[in-house]
């Protein structure tokens, strides 16, 4: 139910930033509340001589639309709300937000080209942790996906293996020789590399301790 306090507390509030992520969250909420179709549909006014069935259908559609519009109002901050305050239907409000924050096709194409360039140049930094590198990679590929370019899992796996620092050379060769890269999941690759990173760090720490002892 929309009136549930816990439900209200966890609603995502759009402040004009991270549009694509907010849209994904709202689609889940609309679907859960069974009003997703209404947000994308106009409400057809029933004729004066409408049948009882038509009147019932209209009332149900209007009820869903009011619920969807209420959800949209609850999920935007005061500045964004000003843009849609006069919208009388959920579709009208949603269309205004889409035009204001969603960007048009041309803008997305330009943005995608810039993201592709970043992806081509992306590589692990010498002092970077595996987890941090994967975070950068996933963030970038998600942005590309939001612009209409979804990379296959294998593409991302191969990208990582090509762009790791030299301390991972041995494990990269092992993975390439023993694994079918088309079946390797990006999260599994991260776990493998983090385990290698941990072992590598322990060995380096042991060498440092040995050098300190020899210097005494």
Protein backbone atom coordinates (compact mmCIF):
# COMPACT_ATOMS: atom_id res chain seq x y z
CA UNK A 1 0.00 0.00 0.00
CA UNK A 2 1.16 3.53 -0.77
CA UNK A 3 0.24 4.67 2.74
CA UNK A 4 2.66 2.30 4.42
CA UNK A 5 5.21 4.31 6.45
CA UNK A 6 8.12 2.06 5.50
CA UNK A 7 7.22 2.36 1.84
CA UNK A 8 7.20 6.16 2.10
CA UNK A 9 10.54 6.22 3.93
CA UNK A 10 12.26 4.32 1.13
CA UNK A 11 10.94 6.27 -1.86
CA UNK A 12 13.72 7.63 -4.10
CA UNK A 13 13.59 11.43 -4.37
CA UNK A 14 14.71 12.97 -7.67
CA UNK A 15 16.60 16.26 -7.31
CA UNK A 16 17.46 16.80 -10.96
CA UNK A 17 20.50 14.50 -10.95
CA UNK A 18 20.99 10.83 -11.86
CA UNK A 19 17.88 10.74 -14.03
CA UNK A 20 18.48 7.31 -15.53
CA UNK A 21 18.89 5.61 -12.16
CA UNK A 22 15.79 7.33 -10.77
CA UNK A 23 13.73 6.23 -13.79
CA UNK A 24 14.74 2.62 -13.18
CA UNK A 25 13.67 2.88 -9.55
CA UNK A 26 10.37 4.52 -10.49
CA UNK A 27 9.56 1.82 -13.03
CA UNK A 28 9.93 -0.78 -10.29
CA UNK A 29 7.65 1.25 -8.00
CA UNK A 30 5.06 1.80 -10.74
CA UNK A 31 5.05 -1.91 -11.52
CA UNK A 32 4.77 -2.85 -7.84
CA UNK A 33 1.83 -0.46 -7.44
CA UNK A 34 0.28 -1.76 -10.70
CA UNK A 35 0.19 1.65 -12.40
CA UNK A 36 3.10 1.35 -14.85
CA UNK A 37 0.87 1.16 -17.94
CA UNK A 38 -1.11 4.19 -16.83
CA UNK A 39 1.93 6.45 -16.76
CA UNK A 40 2.37 5.86 -20.49
CA UNK A 41 -1.29 6.11 -21.48
CA UNK A 42 -3.80 8.89 -21.99
CA UNK A 43 -7.10 8.65 -20.15
CA UNK A 44 -9.90 8.55 -22.70
CA UNK A 45 -12.95 10.51 -21.58
CA UNK A 46 -16.10 8.43 -21.80
CA UNK A 47 -18.97 9.74 -23.99
CA UNK A 48 -22.13 11.18 -22.48
CA UNK A 49 -24.05 8.04 -23.38
CA UNK A 50 -21.35 5.71 -22.04
CA UNK A 51 -22.33 2.29 -20.82
CA UNK A 52 -21.87 1.32 -17.20
CA UNK A 53 -18.91 -0.83 -18.23
CA UNK A 54 -17.24 2.16 -19.92
CA UNK A 55 -17.87 4.32 -16.87
CA UNK A 56 -16.35 1.67 -14.61
CA UNK A 57 -13.30 1.36 -16.87
CA UNK A 58 -12.85 5.14 -16.81
CA UNK A 59 -13.13 5.31 -13.02
CA UNK A 60 -10.54 2.55 -12.60
CA UNK A 61 -8.15 4.24 -15.04
CA UNK A 62 -8.61 7.58 -13.28
CA UNK A 63 -7.96 5.94 -9.91
CA UNK A 64 -4.72 4.40 -11.20
CA UNK A 65 -3.70 7.69 -12.78
CA UNK A 66 -4.22 9.60 -9.53
CA UNK A 67 -2.16 6.99 -7.71
CA UNK A 68 0.67 7.25 -10.27
CA UNK A 69 0.61 11.06 -10.14
CA UNK A 70 0.73 10.92 -6.35
CA UNK A 71 3.79 8.66 -6.50
CA UNK A 72 5.56 11.02 -8.89
CA UNK A 73 4.86 13.98 -6.58
CA UNK A 74 6.22 12.02 -3.62
CA UNK A 75 9.40 11.10 -5.48
CA UNK A 76 10.65 14.55 -6.54
CA UNK A 77 12.03 17.44 -4.52
CA UNK A 78 10.38 20.87 -4.33
CA UNK A 79 12.31 22.38 -7.25
CA UNK A 80 11.43 19.54 -9.61
CA UNK A 81 7.84 19.54 -8.36
CA UNK A 82 7.43 23.12 -9.58
CA UNK A 83 7.81 21.87 -13.16
CA UNK A 84 4.96 19.38 -12.88
CA UNK A 85 2.69 21.05 -10.33
CA UNK A 86 0.08 21.94 -12.97
CA UNK A 87 0.10 18.54 -14.71
CA UNK A 88 -3.30 16.91 -14.29
CA UNK A 89 -2.33 13.38 -15.29
CA UNK A 90 0.62 11.12 -14.52
CA UNK A 91 1.50 10.91 -18.22
CA UNK A 92 1.59 14.70 -18.53
CA UNK A 93 3.87 14.95 -15.49
CA UNK A 94 6.11 12.13 -16.70
CA UNK A 95 6.42 13.65 -20.18
CA UNK A 96 7.49 16.98 -18.68
CA UNK A 97 10.19 15.28 -16.61
CA UNK A 98 11.36 13.25 -19.59
CA UNK A 99 11.77 16.36 -21.74
CA UNK A 100 13.41 18.34 -18.93
CA UNK A 101 15.89 15.75 -17.70
CA UNK A 102 15.91 12.76 -20.05
CA UNK A 103 17.72 14.44 -22.91
CA UNK A 104 17.02 13.90 -26.58
CA UNK A 105 18.55 11.33 -28.92
CA UNK A 106 21.17 13.72 -30.29
CA UNK A 107 22.42 14.64 -26.81
CA UNK A 108 22.69 10.96 -25.87
CA UNK A 109 24.67 10.20 -29.03
CA UNK A 110 27.17 12.94 -28.24
CA UNK A 111 27.44 11.75 -24.65
CA UNK A 112 27.90 8.14 -25.79
CA UNK A 113 30.81 9.09 -28.04
CA UNK A 114 32.54 10.76 -25.10
CA UNK A 115 31.90 7.71 -22.90
CA UNK A 116 33.26 5.36 -25.56
CA UNK A 117 36.42 7.43 -25.70
CA UNK A 118 36.76 7.18 -21.91
CA UNK A 119 36.23 3.43 -22.14
CA UNK A 120 38.95 3.06 -24.77
CA UNK A 121 41.43 4.93 -22.58
CA UNK A 122 40.41 3.24 -19.33
CA UNK A 123 43.15 1.23 -17.64
CA UNK A 124 44.16 0.31 -14.13
CA UNK A 125 46.39 2.78 -12.28
CA UNK A 126 49.61 1.53 -10.71
CA UNK A 127 48.48 2.06 -7.12
CA UNK A 128 44.80 1.25 -7.71
CA UNK A 129 42.95 -1.50 -5.88
CA UNK A 130 41.08 -4.11 -7.90
CA UNK A 131 37.76 -3.12 -6.32
CA UNK A 132 38.28 0.54 -7.21
CA UNK A 133 39.15 -0.28 -10.81
CA UNK A 134 36.08 -2.46 -11.21
CA UNK A 135 33.93 0.30 -9.73
CA UNK A 136 35.22 2.73 -12.35
CA UNK A 137 34.62 0.18 -15.10
CA UNK A 138 31.08 -0.71 -14.02
CA UNK A 139 30.12 2.94 -13.53
CA UNK A 140 31.32 3.78 -17.03
CA UNK A 141 29.66 0.80 -18.71
CA UNK A 142 26.38 1.58 -16.91
CA UNK A 143 26.51 5.14 -18.24
CA UNK A 144 27.08 3.75 -21.73
CA UNK A 145 24.12 1.42 -21.26
CA UNK A 146 21.91 4.35 -20.29
CA UNK A 147 22.87 5.97 -23.60
CA UNK A 148 21.89 2.88 -25.56
CA UNK A 149 25.17 0.95 -25.77
CA UNK A 150 25.17 -2.30 -23.77
CA UNK A 151 28.47 -4.18 -23.64
CA UNK A 152 28.54 -7.96 -23.54
CA UNK A 153 29.97 -9.60 -20.44
CA UNK A 154 32.89 -11.04 -22.42
CA UNK A 155 33.81 -7.59 -23.75
CA UNK A 156 34.13 -6.26 -20.21
CA UNK A 157 36.11 -9.30 -19.06
CA UNK A 158 38.56 -8.96 -21.95
CA UNK A 159 38.86 -5.22 -21.32
CA UNK A 160 39.88 -5.85 -17.71
CA UNK A 161 42.43 -8.50 -18.64
CA UNK A 162 44.00 -6.17 -21.21
CA UNK A 163 44.29 -3.20 -18.89
CA UNK A 164 45.54 -4.55 -15.56
CA UNK A 165 48.94 -3.52 -14.23
CA UNK A 166 51.98 -5.74 -14.76
CA UNK A 167 51.74 -7.39 -11.33
CA UNK A 168 48.71 -9.28 -12.66
CA UNK A 169 50.48 -10.61 -15.78
CA UNK A 170 50.85 -14.13 -14.41
CA UNK A 171 47.23 -14.51 -13.31
CA UNK A 172 46.00 -13.01 -16.59
CA UNK A 173 47.91 -15.62 -18.58
CA UNK A 174 46.54 -18.37 -16.35
CA UNK A 175 42.96 -17.16 -16.81
CA UNK A 176 43.30 -16.84 -20.57
CA UNK A 177 44.83 -20.31 -20.90
CA UNK A 178 42.47 -22.17 -18.57
CA UNK A 179 39.14 -20.36 -18.86
CA UNK A 180 36.57 -19.92 -21.60
CA UNK A 181 36.22 -16.13 -21.45
CA UNK A 182 32.70 -16.29 -22.86
CA UNK A 183 31.64 -18.04 -19.65
CA UNK A 184 33.52 -15.84 -17.16
CA UNK A 185 31.35 -13.44 -15.16
CA UNK A 186 32.74 -10.01 -14.35
CA UNK A 187 32.03 -10.44 -10.62
CA UNK A 188 33.86 -13.79 -10.59
CA UNK A 189 36.82 -12.20 -12.32
CA UNK A 190 36.89 -9.47 -9.70
CA UNK A 191 36.92 -12.05 -6.89
CA UNK A 192 39.79 -13.95 -8.51
CA UNK A 193 41.84 -10.81 -8.99
CA UNK A 194 41.18 -9.58 -5.45
CA UNK A 195 42.40 -12.92 -4.08
CA UNK A 196 45.56 -12.58 -6.19
CA UNK A 197 45.96 -8.99 -5.00
CA UNK A 198 45.74 -10.08 -1.38
CA UNK A 199 48.35 -12.82 -1.82
CA UNK A 200 50.62 -10.45 -3.71
CA UNK A 201 50.31 -7.90 -0.90
CA UNK A 202 51.14 -10.49 1.75
CA UNK A 203 54.28 -11.54 -0.14
CA UNK A 204 55.41 -7.93 -0.50
CA UNK A 205 54.80 -7.33 3.19
CA UNK A 206 56.88 -10.40 4.03
CA UNK A 207 59.75 -9.15 1.87
CA UNK A 208 59.66 -5.78 3.60
CA UNK A 209 59.86 -7.44 7.02
CA UNK A 210 62.79 -9.56 5.84
CA UNK A 211 64.65 -6.49 4.57
CA UNK A 212 64.12 -4.73 7.90
CA UNK A 213 65.55 -7.72 9.78
CA UNK A 214 68.58 -7.93 7.48
CA UNK A 215 69.25 -4.23 7.90
CA UNK A 216 69.49 -4.58 11.69
